[in-house]
């Protein structure tokens, strides 16, 4: 998948939701940014949906 960073995307989320994302990303070896963590999690969900 080629990353095209020319399309910004914004969303509003709760502090609790961000805490869940932050907890997940801190467990990753490379500690991705929040944006990258969300991209990775969305991709994982999309891949799981294909199965």
N, C-alpha and C. Protein backbone atom coordinates (compact mmCIF):
# COMPACT_ATOMS: atom_id res chain seq x y z
N UNK A 1 0.85 -1.18 0.00
CA UNK A 1 0.00 0.00 0.00
C UNK A 1 0.89 1.24 0.00
N UNK A 2 0.67 2.11 -0.96
CA UNK A 2 1.43 3.35 -1.05
C UNK A 2 0.77 4.41 -0.18
N UNK A 3 1.57 5.07 0.60
CA UNK A 3 1.03 6.13 1.44
C UNK A 3 0.94 7.42 0.66
N UNK A 4 -0.24 7.95 0.57
CA UNK A 4 -0.47 9.23 -0.09
C UNK A 4 -0.87 10.21 1.01
N UNK A 5 0.07 11.03 1.44
CA UNK A 5 -0.19 11.95 2.55
C UNK A 5 -0.71 13.30 2.07
N UNK A 6 -1.34 13.29 0.90
CA UNK A 6 -1.87 14.53 0.36
C UNK A 6 -3.31 14.79 0.75
N UNK A 7 -3.91 13.89 1.51
CA UNK A 7 -5.31 14.03 1.87
C UNK A 7 -5.45 14.05 3.39
N UNK A 8 -5.49 15.22 3.98
CA UNK A 8 -5.62 15.28 5.43
C UNK A 8 -6.98 14.77 5.88
N UNK A 9 -7.00 14.23 7.07
CA UNK A 9 -8.22 13.68 7.65
C UNK A 9 -8.24 14.03 9.12
N UNK A 10 -9.34 14.56 9.59
CA UNK A 10 -9.46 14.91 10.99
C UNK A 10 -10.68 14.21 11.58
N UNK A 11 -10.61 13.90 12.86
CA UNK A 11 -11.76 13.34 13.55
C UNK A 11 -11.71 13.73 15.01
N UNK A 12 -12.85 13.80 15.63
CA UNK A 12 -12.93 14.11 17.05
C UNK A 12 -13.14 12.82 17.81
N UNK A 13 -12.37 12.66 18.87
CA UNK A 13 -12.46 11.45 19.68
C UNK A 13 -12.38 11.82 21.16
N UNK A 14 -12.78 10.90 21.99
CA UNK A 14 -12.73 11.15 23.44
C UNK A 14 -11.32 10.94 23.97
N UNK A 15 -11.08 11.50 25.14
CA UNK A 15 -9.79 11.30 25.80
C UNK A 15 -9.57 9.82 26.10
N UNK A 16 -10.63 9.12 26.41
CA UNK A 16 -10.53 7.68 26.70
C UNK A 16 -10.09 6.90 25.46
N UNK A 17 -10.63 7.27 24.31
CA UNK A 17 -10.26 6.59 23.07
C UNK A 17 -8.79 6.84 22.75
N UNK A 18 -8.35 8.08 22.92
CA UNK A 18 -6.94 8.39 22.69
C UNK A 18 -6.04 7.63 23.65
N UNK A 19 -6.47 7.46 24.89
CA UNK A 19 -5.68 6.70 25.87
C UNK A 19 -5.52 5.26 25.41
N UNK A 20 -6.57 4.68 24.84
CA UNK A 20 -6.48 3.31 24.32
C UNK A 20 -5.47 3.24 23.18
N UNK A 21 -5.54 4.20 22.27
CA UNK A 21 -4.59 4.25 21.15
C UNK A 21 -3.16 4.42 21.68
N UNK A 22 -2.98 5.34 22.61
CA UNK A 22 -1.65 5.59 23.18
C UNK A 22 -1.11 4.35 23.89
N UNK A 23 -1.96 3.65 24.62
CA UNK A 23 -1.52 2.41 25.29
C UNK A 23 -1.06 1.38 24.26
N UNK A 24 -1.81 1.24 23.17
CA UNK A 24 -1.45 0.28 22.13
C UNK A 24 -0.12 0.65 21.48
N UNK A 25 0.02 1.93 21.13
CA UNK A 25 1.23 2.32 20.40
C UNK A 25 2.48 2.22 21.25
N UNK A 26 2.36 2.44 22.56
CA UNK A 26 3.52 2.32 23.44
C UNK A 26 4.01 0.88 23.56
N UNK A 27 3.16 -0.07 23.24
CA UNK A 27 3.54 -1.49 23.27
C UNK A 27 4.23 -1.93 21.99
N UNK A 28 4.23 -1.06 20.97
CA UNK A 28 4.87 -1.39 19.70
C UNK A 28 6.36 -1.13 19.79
N UNK A 29 7.12 -1.92 19.06
CA UNK A 29 8.57 -1.82 19.13
C UNK A 29 9.08 -0.45 18.71
N UNK A 30 8.48 0.14 17.68
CA UNK A 30 8.98 1.42 17.16
C UNK A 30 8.21 2.63 17.67
N UNK A 31 7.20 2.45 18.51
CA UNK A 31 6.33 3.51 19.05
C UNK A 31 5.93 4.50 17.94
N UNK A 32 4.94 4.11 17.16
CA UNK A 32 4.50 4.98 16.07
C UNK A 32 3.81 6.23 16.60
N UNK A 33 3.73 7.24 15.76
CA UNK A 33 2.96 8.44 16.11
C UNK A 33 1.50 8.02 16.24
N UNK A 34 0.69 8.89 16.80
CA UNK A 34 -0.74 8.58 16.90
C UNK A 34 -1.33 8.33 15.51
N UNK A 35 -0.99 9.20 14.57
CA UNK A 35 -1.54 9.05 13.22
C UNK A 35 -1.13 7.72 12.61
N UNK A 36 0.14 7.36 12.76
CA UNK A 36 0.62 6.10 12.22
C UNK A 36 -0.02 4.92 12.94
N UNK A 37 -0.19 5.02 14.24
CA UNK A 37 -0.84 3.95 15.00
C UNK A 37 -2.26 3.73 14.51
N UNK A 38 -2.98 4.81 14.27
CA UNK A 38 -4.36 4.70 13.78
C UNK A 38 -4.37 4.09 12.38
N UNK A 39 -3.42 4.49 11.51
CA UNK A 39 -3.33 3.87 10.18
C UNK A 39 -3.09 2.38 10.30
N UNK A 40 -2.16 1.99 11.18
CA UNK A 40 -1.85 0.57 11.34
C UNK A 40 -3.06 -0.21 11.86
N UNK A 41 -3.75 0.34 12.83
CA UNK A 41 -4.91 -0.34 13.39
C UNK A 41 -6.04 -0.45 12.38
N UNK A 42 -6.26 0.60 11.60
CA UNK A 42 -7.29 0.53 10.55
C UNK A 42 -6.91 -0.53 9.53
N UNK A 43 -5.64 -0.56 9.12
CA UNK A 43 -5.20 -1.58 8.15
C UNK A 43 -5.39 -2.99 8.72
N UNK A 44 -5.07 -3.19 10.00
CA UNK A 44 -5.28 -4.49 10.63
C UNK A 44 -6.76 -4.87 10.60
N UNK A 45 -7.63 -3.92 10.88
CA UNK A 45 -9.06 -4.19 10.84
C UNK A 45 -9.55 -4.53 9.44
N UNK A 46 -9.05 -3.81 8.45
CA UNK A 46 -9.43 -4.08 7.08
C UNK A 46 -8.93 -5.45 6.60
N UNK A 47 -7.72 -5.80 6.98
CA UNK A 47 -7.18 -7.11 6.63
C UNK A 47 -7.97 -8.22 7.31
N UNK A 48 -8.34 -8.02 8.57
CA UNK A 48 -9.11 -9.04 9.28
C UNK A 48 -10.49 -9.21 8.65
N UNK A 49 -11.04 -8.12 8.14
CA UNK A 49 -12.35 -8.18 7.50
C UNK A 49 -12.30 -9.00 6.21
N UNK A 50 -11.15 -8.99 5.54
CA UNK A 50 -10.99 -9.78 4.30
C UNK A 50 -10.99 -11.28 4.58
N UNK A 51 -10.52 -11.65 5.76
CA UNK A 51 -10.36 -13.08 6.08
C UNK A 51 -11.69 -13.75 6.34
